Amino acid sequence: MRQDLREIIGIDGLVTLILSNILILATAGISWLWQLGCVHRVARTAPDTASASELAMVLGFRLRHNNVCPEYAQRLDRARALLHSRSVQRVVIVGGRTGRSAASEAAVGKQFLVARGIAESAILLEESSRHTLENLRHARARLRLDNDAAFVLITSRYHLARSLALASGLSLRPLPCAAEARLAYNPLTLWKLAREAYFLHWYYVGRTWSRWTGNRKSLARIT
């Protein structure tokens, strides 16, 4: 069952979404274009390898008929490559049940890796989160991560800029690692880059507004 948007983001989130849209209109789209440039730069230049690290985090993706979709498979295959090269020692897969799926994104991701030769002992799961911010918050609590513990963050190129911003806002130290070898320029990817820029713009507006107004509830959610 799809969750109501208000349940996921809350009233404060809706307010800051409105403010974000107002700012985009007031600047004739320039504030959004700035974020689009940032999203594109990270997507284009992010490495697809990692220096030696203890842990890699794989951000989940909505399942397709209870199975891993091609985009999610790319993320998991990147984690598998890092484990095989011993660039990382363990992976944590994050993602709960979304849509009508019978299993969590994390659990199905684990099955995918185990079927391809990865030891179960090298895989940790976080199965209660519904979106990227919750992925990171719950993983931080699950693994007791702090700002002294760097980890490799694996996700799709278009998704990296926002994921890194959210992780940094939570006082984490993510090391970016792209799922794909290079950024593919096609209409779908361009749409995803534009959408991520919109969400990143909303995040920064929301964070700034929460600080200005001293909204502790909102700040607790994103920091």
N, C-alpha and C. Protein backbone atom coordinates (compact mmCIF):
# COMPACT_ATOMS: atom_id res chain seq x y z
N MET A 1 0.84 -1.19 0.00
CA MET A 1 0.00 0.00 0.00
C MET A 1 0.88 1.25 0.00
N ARG A 2 0.60 2.18 -0.89
CA ARG A 2 1.37 3.42 -0.93
C ARG A 2 1.03 4.29 0.27
N GLN A 3 2.06 4.86 0.88
CA GLN A 3 1.84 5.70 2.03
C GLN A 3 1.52 7.11 1.58
N ASP A 4 0.66 7.75 2.33
CA ASP A 4 0.30 9.12 2.04
C ASP A 4 1.53 10.00 2.15
N LEU A 5 1.67 10.95 1.20
CA LEU A 5 2.83 11.83 1.19
C LEU A 5 2.97 12.58 2.50
N ARG A 6 1.85 13.00 3.08
CA ARG A 6 1.92 13.74 4.34
C ARG A 6 2.46 12.89 5.47
N GLU A 7 2.17 11.60 5.43
CA GLU A 7 2.68 10.69 6.46
C GLU A 7 4.19 10.55 6.37
N ILE A 8 4.71 10.56 5.15
CA ILE A 8 6.14 10.37 4.95
C ILE A 8 6.93 11.62 5.27
N ILE A 9 6.51 12.77 4.75
CA ILE A 9 7.31 13.98 4.91
C ILE A 9 6.81 14.89 6.01
N GLY A 10 5.56 14.73 6.46
CA GLY A 10 5.03 15.55 7.54
C GLY A 10 4.59 16.93 7.06
N ILE A 11 3.91 17.64 7.94
CA ILE A 11 3.43 18.99 7.61
C ILE A 11 4.60 19.92 7.36
N ASP A 12 5.66 19.81 8.17
CA ASP A 12 6.83 20.68 7.98
C ASP A 12 7.44 20.46 6.60
N GLY A 13 7.46 19.21 6.16
CA GLY A 13 8.00 18.92 4.84
C GLY A 13 7.17 19.55 3.73
N LEU A 14 5.85 19.52 3.89
CA LEU A 14 4.98 20.14 2.89
C LEU A 14 5.18 21.65 2.85
N VAL A 15 5.36 22.25 4.02
CA VAL A 15 5.59 23.70 4.08
C VAL A 15 6.88 24.06 3.35
N THR A 16 7.95 23.32 3.63
CA THR A 16 9.22 23.64 2.98
C THR A 16 9.19 23.31 1.49
N LEU A 17 8.38 22.34 1.09
CA LEU A 17 8.22 22.06 -0.34
C LEU A 17 7.59 23.26 -1.04
N ILE A 18 6.60 23.86 -0.41
CA ILE A 18 5.97 25.05 -0.97
C ILE A 18 6.98 26.19 -1.05
N LEU A 19 7.76 26.37 0.02
CA LEU A 19 8.77 27.43 0.03
C LEU A 19 9.82 27.20 -1.06
N SER A 20 10.19 25.94 -1.25
CA SER A 20 11.17 25.62 -2.29
C SER A 20 10.64 25.99 -3.67
N ASN A 21 9.38 25.67 -3.92
CA ASN A 21 8.78 26.02 -5.21
C ASN A 21 8.68 27.52 -5.40
N ILE A 22 8.36 28.24 -4.33
CA ILE A 22 8.29 29.70 -4.41
C ILE A 22 9.65 30.27 -4.78
N LEU A 23 10.72 29.74 -4.15
CA LEU A 23 12.06 30.23 -4.45
C LEU A 23 12.44 29.95 -5.90
N ILE A 24 12.09 28.79 -6.41
CA ILE A 24 12.38 28.48 -7.81
C ILE A 24 11.68 29.46 -8.73
N LEU A 25 10.42 29.76 -8.44
CA LEU A 25 9.67 30.71 -9.26
C LEU A 25 10.24 32.12 -9.12
N ALA A 26 10.59 32.50 -7.89
CA ALA A 26 11.09 33.86 -7.64
C ALA A 26 12.43 34.11 -8.33
N THR A 27 13.22 33.06 -8.51
CA THR A 27 14.53 33.21 -9.15
C THR A 27 14.49 32.81 -10.63
N ALA A 28 13.28 32.65 -11.16
CA ALA A 28 13.10 32.25 -12.56
C ALA A 28 13.84 30.95 -12.86
N GLY A 29 13.88 30.07 -11.87
CA GLY A 29 14.50 28.76 -12.07
C GLY A 29 15.99 28.70 -11.84
N ILE A 30 16.61 29.85 -11.56
CA ILE A 30 18.07 29.87 -11.43
C ILE A 30 18.55 29.04 -10.23
N SER A 31 17.82 29.12 -9.12
CA SER A 31 18.23 28.35 -7.93
C SER A 31 18.18 26.85 -8.21
N TRP A 32 17.20 26.42 -8.99
CA TRP A 32 17.12 25.01 -9.36
C TRP A 32 18.22 24.64 -10.36
N LEU A 33 18.50 25.52 -11.30
CA LEU A 33 19.55 25.26 -12.27
C LEU A 33 20.91 25.11 -11.60
N TRP A 34 21.13 25.88 -10.53
CA TRP A 34 22.38 25.76 -9.78
C TRP A 34 22.51 24.35 -9.20
N GLN A 35 21.44 23.87 -8.62
CA GLN A 35 21.47 22.52 -8.06
C GLN A 35 21.62 21.47 -9.16
N LEU A 36 21.00 21.72 -10.29
CA LEU A 36 21.14 20.79 -11.42
C LEU A 36 22.60 20.68 -11.84
N GLY A 37 23.29 21.81 -11.86
CA GLY A 37 24.71 21.79 -12.19
C GLY A 37 25.51 20.96 -11.19
N CYS A 38 25.18 21.10 -9.91
CA CYS A 38 25.87 20.34 -8.87
C CYS A 38 25.60 18.84 -9.01
N VAL A 39 24.33 18.50 -9.25
CA VAL A 39 23.96 17.09 -9.40
C VAL A 39 24.67 16.48 -10.60
N HIS A 40 24.71 17.22 -11.70
CA HIS A 40 25.36 16.71 -12.91
C HIS A 40 26.86 16.54 -12.70
N ARG A 41 27.48 17.50 -12.04
CA ARG A 41 28.93 17.42 -11.84
C ARG A 41 29.31 16.18 -11.02
N VAL A 42 28.58 15.95 -9.94
CA VAL A 42 28.85 14.77 -9.12
C VAL A 42 28.59 13.49 -9.91
N ALA A 43 27.49 13.47 -10.65
CA ALA A 43 27.14 12.28 -11.44
C ALA A 43 28.20 11.98 -12.49
N ARG A 44 28.78 13.02 -13.06
CA ARG A 44 29.75 12.84 -14.14
C ARG A 44 31.12 12.45 -13.61
N THR A 45 31.52 12.98 -12.46
CA THR A 45 32.91 12.83 -12.01
C THR A 45 33.11 11.81 -10.89
N ALA A 46 32.04 11.28 -10.32
CA ALA A 46 32.20 10.36 -9.19
C ALA A 46 32.95 9.10 -9.61
N PRO A 47 33.82 8.58 -8.74
CA PRO A 47 34.55 7.35 -9.06
C PRO A 47 33.64 6.13 -8.97
N ASP A 48 34.04 5.07 -9.66
CA ASP A 48 33.32 3.80 -9.52
C ASP A 48 34.20 2.76 -8.83
N THR A 49 35.23 3.24 -8.14
CA THR A 49 36.10 2.40 -7.34
C THR A 49 36.18 2.99 -5.94
N ALA A 50 36.86 2.30 -5.05
CA ALA A 50 36.97 2.79 -3.68
C ALA A 50 38.31 2.39 -3.08
N SER A 51 38.86 3.27 -2.26
CA SER A 51 40.04 2.92 -1.49
C SER A 51 39.63 1.95 -0.40
N ALA A 52 40.61 1.29 0.19
CA ALA A 52 40.33 0.30 1.22
C ALA A 52 39.49 0.90 2.34
N SER A 53 38.39 0.25 2.65
CA SER A 53 37.48 0.73 3.69
C SER A 53 36.82 -0.48 4.34
N GLU A 54 36.40 -0.32 5.57
CA GLU A 54 35.76 -1.42 6.28
C GLU A 54 34.38 -1.72 5.73
N LEU A 55 33.64 -0.66 5.37
CA LEU A 55 32.21 -0.83 5.10
C LEU A 55 31.77 -0.09 3.84
N ALA A 56 30.88 -0.71 3.09
CA ALA A 56 30.18 -0.05 1.99
C ALA A 56 28.69 -0.11 2.26
N MET A 57 27.99 0.96 1.94
CA MET A 57 26.54 1.01 2.10
C MET A 57 25.90 1.07 0.72
N VAL A 58 24.98 0.16 0.46
CA VAL A 58 24.26 0.12 -0.81
C VAL A 58 22.85 0.65 -0.58
N LEU A 59 22.49 1.72 -1.25
CA LEU A 59 21.14 2.25 -1.12
C LEU A 59 20.18 1.42 -1.97
N GLY A 60 19.09 1.03 -1.36
CA GLY A 60 18.12 0.17 -2.03
C GLY A 60 17.35 0.88 -3.13
N PHE A 61 16.53 0.11 -3.83
CA PHE A 61 15.72 0.64 -4.92
C PHE A 61 14.43 -0.18 -4.98
N ARG A 62 13.36 0.49 -5.34
CA ARG A 62 12.05 -0.17 -5.37
C ARG A 62 12.11 -1.45 -6.21
N LEU A 63 11.58 -2.52 -5.63
CA LEU A 63 11.59 -3.82 -6.30
C LEU A 63 10.57 -3.86 -7.43
N ARG A 64 10.81 -4.72 -8.37
CA ARG A 64 9.89 -4.93 -9.49
C ARG A 64 9.36 -6.36 -9.40
N HIS A 65 8.10 -6.50 -9.03
CA HIS A 65 7.50 -7.82 -8.84
C HIS A 65 8.33 -8.67 -7.87
N ASN A 66 8.75 -8.02 -6.77
CA ASN A 66 9.53 -8.68 -5.72
C ASN A 66 10.91 -9.12 -6.16
N ASN A 67 11.39 -8.56 -7.25
CA ASN A 67 12.72 -8.89 -7.75
C ASN A 67 13.56 -7.63 -7.92
N VAL A 68 14.86 -7.82 -7.98
CA VAL A 68 15.79 -6.72 -8.21
C VAL A 68 15.63 -6.22 -9.64
N CYS A 69 15.48 -4.90 -9.80
CA CYS A 69 15.38 -4.31 -11.13
C CYS A 69 16.80 -4.01 -11.64
N PRO A 70 16.96 -3.70 -12.92
CA PRO A 70 18.31 -3.47 -13.47
C PRO A 70 19.10 -2.39 -12.74
N GLU A 71 18.45 -1.30 -12.35
CA GLU A 71 19.18 -0.23 -11.66
C GLU A 71 19.69 -0.68 -10.30
N TYR A 72 18.85 -1.39 -9.57
CA TYR A 72 19.27 -1.93 -8.28
C TYR A 72 20.38 -2.96 -8.46
N ALA A 73 20.28 -3.76 -9.51
CA ALA A 73 21.32 -4.76 -9.79
C ALA A 73 22.68 -4.10 -10.02
N GLN A 74 22.69 -2.94 -10.67
CA GLN A 74 23.95 -2.23 -10.88
C GLN A 74 24.59 -1.86 -9.54
N ARG A 75 23.79 -1.38 -8.61
CA ARG A 75 24.31 -1.00 -7.30
C ARG A 75 24.87 -2.21 -6.57
N LEU A 76 24.13 -3.30 -6.61
CA LEU A 76 24.57 -4.52 -5.93
C LEU A 76 25.81 -5.12 -6.60
N ASP A 77 25.87 -5.07 -7.91
CA ASP A 77 27.05 -5.58 -8.61
C ASP A 77 28.29 -4.76 -8.27
N ARG A 78 28.11 -3.46 -8.07
CA ARG A 78 29.26 -2.64 -7.67
C ARG A 78 29.75 -3.06 -6.29
N ALA A 79 28.83 -3.31 -5.37
CA ALA A 79 29.21 -3.79 -4.04
C ALA A 79 29.93 -5.13 -4.15
N ARG A 80 29.43 -6.01 -5.00
CA ARG A 80 30.06 -7.32 -5.19
C ARG A 80 31.49 -7.17 -5.71
N ALA A 81 31.69 -6.24 -6.64
CA ALA A 81 33.03 -6.02 -7.18
C ALA A 81 33.98 -5.51 -6.11
N LEU A 82 33.49 -4.62 -5.25
CA LEU A 82 34.35 -4.08 -4.18
C LEU A 82 34.70 -5.16 -3.17
N LEU A 83 33.75 -6.04 -2.88
CA LEU A 83 34.04 -7.15 -1.96
C LEU A 83 35.05 -8.12 -2.57
N HIS A 84 34.89 -8.42 -3.84
CA HIS A 84 35.81 -9.35 -4.49
C HIS A 84 37.22 -8.79 -4.56
N SER A 85 37.33 -7.48 -4.76
CA SER A 85 38.65 -6.84 -4.83
C SER A 85 39.21 -6.52 -3.45
N ARG A 86 38.42 -6.82 -2.42
CA ARG A 86 38.78 -6.55 -1.02
C ARG A 86 38.97 -5.06 -0.75
N SER A 87 38.32 -4.24 -1.56
CA SER A 87 38.32 -2.80 -1.28
C SER A 87 37.49 -2.51 -0.04
N VAL A 88 36.48 -3.33 0.21
CA VAL A 88 35.68 -3.23 1.44
C VAL A 88 35.56 -4.63 2.05
N GLN A 89 35.29 -4.66 3.35
CA GLN A 89 35.19 -5.93 4.06
C GLN A 89 33.75 -6.39 4.22
N ARG A 90 32.84 -5.43 4.35
CA ARG A 90 31.43 -5.75 4.56
C ARG A 90 30.58 -4.77 3.78
N VAL A 91 29.34 -5.16 3.52
CA VAL A 91 28.37 -4.24 2.93
C VAL A 91 27.11 -4.24 3.79
N VAL A 92 26.50 -3.08 3.90
CA VAL A 92 25.18 -3.00 4.51
C VAL A 92 24.22 -2.55 3.41
N ILE A 93 23.17 -3.31 3.23
CA ILE A 93 22.15 -2.98 2.24
C ILE A 93 20.97 -2.37 2.98
N VAL A 94 20.53 -1.20 2.53
CA VAL A 94 19.47 -0.50 3.25
C VAL A 94 18.23 -0.38 2.36
N GLY A 95 17.06 -0.54 2.98
CA GLY A 95 15.81 -0.39 2.24
C GLY A 95 14.75 -1.34 2.76
N GLY A 96 13.62 -0.78 3.14
CA GLY A 96 12.52 -1.58 3.67
C GLY A 96 11.55 -2.01 2.58
N ARG A 97 10.36 -2.36 2.99
CA ARG A 97 9.31 -2.74 2.05
C ARG A 97 8.68 -1.48 1.47
N THR A 98 8.57 -1.44 0.16
CA THR A 98 7.92 -0.32 -0.52
C THR A 98 6.92 -0.86 -1.52
N GLY A 99 5.93 -0.04 -1.83
CA GLY A 99 4.91 -0.47 -2.77
C GLY A 99 4.18 -1.70 -2.27
N ARG A 100 3.99 -2.66 -3.15
CA ARG A 100 3.28 -3.90 -2.81
C ARG A 100 4.23 -5.08 -2.59
N SER A 101 5.50 -4.79 -2.42
CA SER A 101 6.48 -5.86 -2.29
C SER A 101 6.26 -6.68 -1.02
N ALA A 102 6.46 -7.98 -1.14
CA ALA A 102 6.29 -8.87 0.01
C ALA A 102 7.53 -8.90 0.88
N ALA A 103 8.68 -8.53 0.32
CA ALA A 103 9.95 -8.54 1.06
C ALA A 103 10.58 -7.16 1.00
N SER A 104 11.54 -6.93 1.86
CA SER A 104 12.23 -5.64 1.88
C SER A 104 13.24 -5.57 0.73
N GLU A 105 13.56 -4.35 0.33
CA GLU A 105 14.59 -4.15 -0.69
C GLU A 105 15.91 -4.75 -0.22
N ALA A 106 16.23 -4.56 1.07
CA ALA A 106 17.49 -5.07 1.60
C ALA A 106 17.56 -6.59 1.55
N ALA A 107 16.47 -7.26 1.95
CA ALA A 107 16.46 -8.72 1.97
C ALA A 107 16.63 -9.30 0.57
N VAL A 108 15.94 -8.72 -0.40
CA VAL A 108 16.06 -9.21 -1.78
C VAL A 108 17.45 -8.90 -2.33
N GLY A 109 18.00 -7.75 -1.93
CA GLY A 109 19.37 -7.43 -2.34
C GLY A 109 20.37 -8.43 -1.79
N LYS A 110 20.16 -8.85 -0.56
CA LYS A 110 21.05 -9.87 0.03
C LYS A 110 20.95 -11.18 -0.74
N GLN A 111 19.75 -11.59 -1.10
CA GLN A 111 19.57 -12.82 -1.88
C GLN A 111 20.33 -12.72 -3.21
N PHE A 112 20.28 -11.55 -3.82
CA PHE A 112 20.97 -11.31 -5.09
C PHE A 112 22.47 -11.54 -4.93
N LEU A 113 23.06 -10.98 -3.87
CA LEU A 113 24.50 -11.10 -3.66
C LEU A 113 24.90 -12.52 -3.28
N VAL A 114 24.13 -13.13 -2.40
CA VAL A 114 24.45 -14.50 -1.97
C VAL A 114 24.41 -15.46 -3.16
N ALA A 115 23.44 -15.26 -4.05
CA ALA A 115 23.32 -16.11 -5.24
C ALA A 115 24.51 -15.94 -6.17
N ARG A 116 25.26 -14.86 -6.00
CA ARG A 116 26.43 -14.59 -6.84
C ARG A 116 27.73 -14.78 -6.08
N GLY A 117 27.66 -15.53 -5.00
CA GLY A 117 28.89 -15.97 -4.34
C GLY A 117 29.38 -15.16 -3.16
N ILE A 118 28.61 -14.17 -2.72
CA ILE A 118 29.03 -13.38 -1.57
C ILE A 118 28.58 -14.08 -0.29
N ALA A 119 29.48 -14.17 0.68
CA ALA A 119 29.16 -14.84 1.95
C ALA A 119 28.13 -14.04 2.73
N GLU A 120 27.18 -14.73 3.32
CA GLU A 120 26.15 -14.05 4.11
C GLU A 120 26.76 -13.25 5.25
N SER A 121 27.88 -13.72 5.79
CA SER A 121 28.51 -13.04 6.92
C SER A 121 29.06 -11.67 6.55
N ALA A 122 29.22 -11.41 5.25
CA ALA A 122 29.74 -10.12 4.80
C ALA A 122 28.64 -9.11 4.53
N ILE A 123 27.38 -9.51 4.76
CA ILE A 123 26.24 -8.66 4.41
C ILE A 123 25.43 -8.32 5.65
N LEU A 124 25.21 -7.03 5.87
CA LEU A 124 24.33 -6.55 6.93
C LEU A 124 23.10 -5.93 6.28
N LEU A 125 21.99 -5.90 7.01
CA LEU A 125 20.75 -5.37 6.47
C LEU A 125 20.16 -4.30 7.37
N GLU A 126 19.51 -3.32 6.76
CA GLU A 126 18.66 -2.35 7.45
C GLU A 126 17.36 -2.36 6.66
N GLU A 127 16.27 -2.85 7.28
CA GLU A 127 15.05 -3.14 6.54
C GLU A 127 13.85 -2.29 6.92
N SER A 128 14.02 -1.23 7.67
CA SER A 128 12.86 -0.47 8.14
C SER A 128 12.67 0.87 7.46
N SER A 129 13.59 1.26 6.58
CA SER A 129 13.52 2.60 5.99
C SER A 129 12.73 2.60 4.69
N ARG A 130 12.15 3.77 4.36
CA ARG A 130 11.27 3.89 3.20
C ARG A 130 11.81 4.81 2.12
N HIS A 131 12.80 5.63 2.45
CA HIS A 131 13.35 6.57 1.47
C HIS A 131 14.79 6.88 1.86
N THR A 132 15.48 7.67 1.04
CA THR A 132 16.92 7.86 1.19
C THR A 132 17.30 8.42 2.55
N LEU A 133 16.59 9.44 3.03
CA LEU A 133 16.93 10.01 4.33
C LEU A 133 16.80 8.97 5.43
N GLU A 134 15.71 8.21 5.41
CA GLU A 134 15.55 7.16 6.41
C GLU A 134 16.61 6.07 6.24
N ASN A 135 16.95 5.74 4.99
CA ASN A 135 18.03 4.78 4.76
C ASN A 135 19.26 5.15 5.57
N LEU A 136 19.65 6.40 5.46
CA LEU A 136 20.88 6.86 6.09
C LEU A 136 20.73 7.00 7.60
N ARG A 137 19.60 7.53 8.04
CA ARG A 137 19.38 7.70 9.48
C ARG A 137 19.34 6.36 10.19
N HIS A 138 18.60 5.43 9.65
CA HIS A 138 18.47 4.12 10.30
C HIS A 138 19.78 3.34 10.25
N ALA A 139 20.51 3.47 9.15
CA ALA A 139 21.80 2.80 9.07
C ALA A 139 22.78 3.40 10.07
N ARG A 140 22.72 4.70 10.26
CA ARG A 140 23.58 5.34 11.26
C ARG A 140 23.33 4.76 12.64
N ALA A 141 22.06 4.61 12.98
CA ALA A 141 21.71 4.04 14.28
C ALA A 141 22.05 2.56 14.36
N ARG A 142 21.78 1.85 13.28
CA ARG A 142 22.01 0.39 13.25
C ARG A 142 23.48 0.06 13.40
N LEU A 143 24.34 0.84 12.75
CA LEU A 143 25.77 0.55 12.73
C LEU A 143 26.57 1.43 13.67
N ARG A 144 25.85 2.36 14.33
CA ARG A 144 26.50 3.30 15.25
C ARG A 144 27.60 4.07 14.55
N LEU A 145 27.27 4.52 13.34
CA LEU A 145 28.22 5.32 12.58
C LEU A 145 28.32 6.71 13.19
N ASP A 146 29.48 7.32 13.07
CA ASP A 146 29.66 8.70 13.52
C ASP A 146 30.57 9.40 12.53
N ASN A 147 30.91 10.66 12.86
CA ASN A 147 31.69 11.44 11.90
C ASN A 147 33.15 11.02 11.84
N ASP A 148 33.55 10.03 12.62
CA ASP A 148 34.91 9.50 12.53
C ASP A 148 34.98 8.24 11.68
N ALA A 149 33.82 7.72 11.29
CA ALA A 149 33.78 6.45 10.56
C ALA A 149 33.40 6.68 9.11
N ALA A 150 34.40 6.71 8.23
CA ALA A 150 34.13 6.87 6.81
C ALA A 150 33.63 5.54 6.24
N PHE A 151 32.76 5.62 5.26
CA PHE A 151 32.24 4.43 4.60
C PHE A 151 31.99 4.74 3.14
N VAL A 152 32.00 3.72 2.32
CA VAL A 152 31.75 3.86 0.89
C VAL A 152 30.24 3.87 0.65
N LEU A 153 29.77 4.87 -0.05
CA LEU A 153 28.34 4.99 -0.34
C LEU A 153 28.09 4.67 -1.80
N ILE A 154 27.37 3.58 -2.05
CA ILE A 154 27.12 3.12 -3.41
C ILE A 154 25.68 3.42 -3.81
N THR A 155 25.53 4.15 -4.90
CA THR A 155 24.21 4.37 -5.48
C THR A 155 24.39 4.78 -6.94
N SER A 156 23.31 5.01 -7.62
CA SER A 156 23.36 5.39 -9.03
C SER A 156 23.94 6.80 -9.18
N ARG A 157 24.56 7.08 -10.29
CA ARG A 157 25.24 8.36 -10.48
C ARG A 157 24.30 9.55 -10.28
N TYR A 158 23.12 9.49 -10.86
CA TYR A 158 22.21 10.63 -10.75
C TYR A 158 21.78 10.87 -9.31
N HIS A 159 21.88 9.86 -8.47
CA HIS A 159 21.40 9.90 -7.09
C HIS A 159 22.48 10.28 -6.09
N LEU A 160 23.73 10.36 -6.53
CA LEU A 160 24.84 10.55 -5.60
C LEU A 160 24.83 11.90 -4.91
N ALA A 161 24.61 12.98 -5.64
CA ALA A 161 24.73 14.31 -5.04
C ALA A 161 23.78 14.48 -3.86
N ARG A 162 22.53 14.10 -4.02
CA ARG A 162 21.57 14.25 -2.93
C ARG A 162 21.89 13.29 -1.78
N SER A 163 22.29 12.09 -2.11
CA SER A 163 22.63 11.12 -1.07
C SER A 163 23.81 11.60 -0.23
N LEU A 164 24.81 12.17 -0.89
CA LEU A 164 25.98 12.70 -0.17
C LEU A 164 25.59 13.88 0.71
N ALA A 165 24.72 14.75 0.20
CA ALA A 165 24.27 15.90 0.98
C ALA A 165 23.50 15.45 2.22
N LEU A 166 22.60 14.49 2.05
CA LEU A 166 21.83 13.99 3.19
C LEU A 166 22.74 13.33 4.21
N ALA A 167 23.70 12.54 3.75
CA ALA A 167 24.62 11.86 4.66
C ALA A 167 25.48 12.87 5.42
N SER A 168 25.99 13.87 4.71
CA SER A 168 26.80 14.89 5.37
C SER A 168 25.97 15.66 6.39
N GLY A 169 24.70 15.93 6.07
CA GLY A 169 23.82 16.60 7.01
C GLY A 169 23.59 15.81 8.28
N LEU A 170 23.75 14.50 8.19
CA LEU A 170 23.62 13.62 9.36
C LEU A 170 24.95 13.40 10.06
N SER A 171 25.96 14.20 9.69
CA SER A 171 27.31 14.12 10.28
C SER A 171 28.01 12.81 9.96
N LEU A 172 27.68 12.23 8.82
CA LEU A 172 28.36 11.03 8.35
C LEU A 172 29.48 11.41 7.38
N ARG A 173 30.38 10.46 7.13
CA ARG A 173 31.50 10.69 6.22
C ARG A 173 31.42 9.71 5.04
N PRO A 174 30.57 10.00 4.09
CA PRO A 174 30.43 9.10 2.94
C PRO A 174 31.52 9.30 1.91
N LEU A 175 31.99 8.20 1.33
CA LEU A 175 32.94 8.23 0.23
C LEU A 175 32.18 7.76 -1.01
N PRO A 176 31.96 8.62 -1.99
CA PRO A 176 31.08 8.26 -3.11
C PRO A 176 31.65 7.17 -3.99
N CYS A 177 30.77 6.27 -4.41
CA CYS A 177 31.14 5.24 -5.38
C CYS A 177 29.93 5.01 -6.28
N ALA A 178 30.09 5.27 -7.55
CA ALA A 178 28.97 5.16 -8.49
C ALA A 178 28.74 3.71 -8.90
N ALA A 179 27.48 3.37 -9.06
CA ALA A 179 27.14 2.01 -9.50
C ALA A 179 27.57 1.77 -10.94
N GLU A 180 27.41 2.79 -11.79
CA GLU A 180 27.73 2.65 -13.21
C GLU A 180 29.16 3.10 -13.49
N ALA A 181 29.74 2.55 -14.55
CA ALA A 181 31.10 2.95 -14.93
C ALA A 181 31.14 4.40 -15.39
N ARG A 182 30.09 4.85 -16.04
CA ARG A 182 30.04 6.23 -16.52
C ARG A 182 28.58 6.69 -16.61
N LEU A 183 28.40 7.99 -16.68
CA LEU A 183 27.05 8.56 -16.78
C LEU A 183 26.53 8.39 -18.20
N ALA A 184 25.35 7.81 -18.31
CA ALA A 184 24.72 7.63 -19.62
C ALA A 184 23.81 8.81 -19.92
N TYR A 185 24.02 9.44 -21.06
CA TYR A 185 23.20 10.59 -21.43
C TYR A 185 22.05 10.12 -22.32
N ASN A 186 20.88 10.04 -21.73
CA ASN A 186 19.67 9.68 -22.46
C ASN A 186 18.51 10.41 -21.80
N PRO A 187 17.35 10.45 -22.44
CA PRO A 187 16.22 11.22 -21.88
C PRO A 187 15.85 10.81 -20.46
N LEU A 188 15.88 9.51 -20.16
CA LEU A 188 15.50 9.07 -18.82
C LEU A 188 16.49 9.56 -17.77
N THR A 189 17.77 9.47 -18.07
CA THR A 189 18.78 9.94 -17.12
C THR A 189 18.68 11.44 -16.93
N LEU A 190 18.47 12.18 -17.99
CA LEU A 190 18.33 13.64 -17.87
C LEU A 190 17.13 13.99 -17.00
N TRP A 191 16.05 13.25 -17.15
CA TRP A 191 14.88 13.48 -16.30
C TRP A 191 15.22 13.19 -14.84
N LYS A 192 15.95 12.12 -14.59
CA LYS A 192 16.33 11.78 -13.21
C LYS A 192 17.25 12.83 -12.61
N LEU A 193 18.18 13.35 -13.39
CA LEU A 193 19.05 14.42 -12.91
C LEU A 193 18.24 15.65 -12.54
N ALA A 194 17.27 16.01 -13.39
CA ALA A 194 16.42 17.17 -13.11
C ALA A 194 15.60 16.95 -11.85
N ARG A 195 15.07 15.76 -11.68
CA ARG A 195 14.27 15.45 -10.50
C ARG A 195 15.12 15.49 -9.23
N GLU A 196 16.34 14.96 -9.31
CA GLU A 196 17.22 14.99 -8.15
C GLU A 196 17.59 16.42 -7.77
N ALA A 197 17.79 17.27 -8.78
CA ALA A 197 18.08 18.67 -8.50
C ALA A 197 16.92 19.33 -7.77
N TYR A 198 15.71 18.97 -8.15
CA TYR A 198 14.51 19.50 -7.49
C TYR A 198 14.46 19.06 -6.03
N PHE A 199 14.71 17.78 -5.79
CA PHE A 199 14.70 17.27 -4.42
C PHE A 199 15.83 17.86 -3.60
N LEU A 200 17.01 18.03 -4.19
CA LEU A 200 18.14 18.60 -3.47
C LEU A 200 17.87 20.06 -3.11
N HIS A 201 17.26 20.78 -4.04
CA HIS A 201 16.86 22.16 -3.78
C HIS A 201 15.91 22.21 -2.59
N TRP A 202 14.94 21.33 -2.58
CA TRP A 202 13.97 21.25 -1.47
C TRP A 202 14.68 20.96 -0.15
N TYR A 203 15.65 20.05 -0.18
CA TYR A 203 16.38 19.70 1.04
C TYR A 203 17.10 20.92 1.61
N TYR A 204 17.81 21.65 0.76
CA TYR A 204 18.57 22.80 1.26
C TYR A 204 17.65 23.91 1.74
N VAL A 205 16.55 24.15 1.05
CA VAL A 205 15.58 25.15 1.51
C VAL A 205 15.00 24.72 2.85
N GLY A 206 14.64 23.45 2.97
CA GLY A 206 14.07 22.96 4.22
C GLY A 206 15.05 23.06 5.37
N ARG A 207 16.29 22.72 5.13
CA ARG A 207 17.30 22.78 6.20
C ARG A 207 17.54 24.22 6.64
N THR A 208 17.64 25.12 5.65
CA THR A 208 17.86 26.53 5.98
C THR A 208 16.67 27.11 6.74
N TRP A 209 15.46 26.81 6.28
CA TRP A 209 14.26 27.31 6.94
C TRP A 209 14.16 26.77 8.37
N SER A 210 14.46 25.53 8.56
CA SER A 210 14.39 24.93 9.90
C SER A 210 15.38 25.58 10.84
N ARG A 211 16.55 25.92 10.35
CA ARG A 211 17.54 26.60 11.19
C ARG A 211 17.11 28.02 11.52
N TRP A 212 16.59 28.72 10.52
CA TRP A 212 16.14 30.09 10.76
C TRP A 212 15.01 30.15 11.78
N THR A 213 14.11 29.19 11.69
CA THR A 213 12.93 29.20 12.57
C THR A 213 13.15 28.43 13.86
N GLY A 214 14.30 27.79 14.00
CA GLY A 214 14.56 27.01 15.20
C GLY A 214 13.64 25.81 15.35
N ASN A 215 13.25 25.22 14.24
CA ASN A 215 12.33 24.08 14.25
C ASN A 215 13.10 22.81 14.63
N ARG A 216 13.08 22.49 15.91
CA ARG A 216 13.87 21.36 16.40
C ARG A 216 13.38 20.02 15.85
N LYS A 217 12.09 19.92 15.65
CA LYS A 217 11.54 18.67 15.12
C LYS A 217 12.08 18.38 13.73
N SER A 218 12.07 19.39 12.88
CA SER A 218 12.58 19.20 11.52
C SER A 218 14.08 18.97 11.51
N LEU A 219 14.79 19.72 12.35
CA LEU A 219 16.24 19.55 12.41
C LEU A 219 16.62 18.16 12.90
N ALA A 220 15.85 17.65 13.85
CA ALA A 220 16.14 16.30 14.37
C ALA A 220 15.95 15.25 13.28
N ARG A 221 15.09 15.56 12.33
CA ARG A 221 14.81 14.61 11.25
C ARG A 221 15.94 14.55 10.23
N ILE A 222 16.63 15.67 10.02
CA ILE A 222 17.61 15.73 8.94
C ILE A 222 19.05 15.87 9.42
N THR A 223 19.28 15.95 10.74
CA THR A 223 20.64 16.10 11.25
C THR A 223 20.95 15.04 12.29
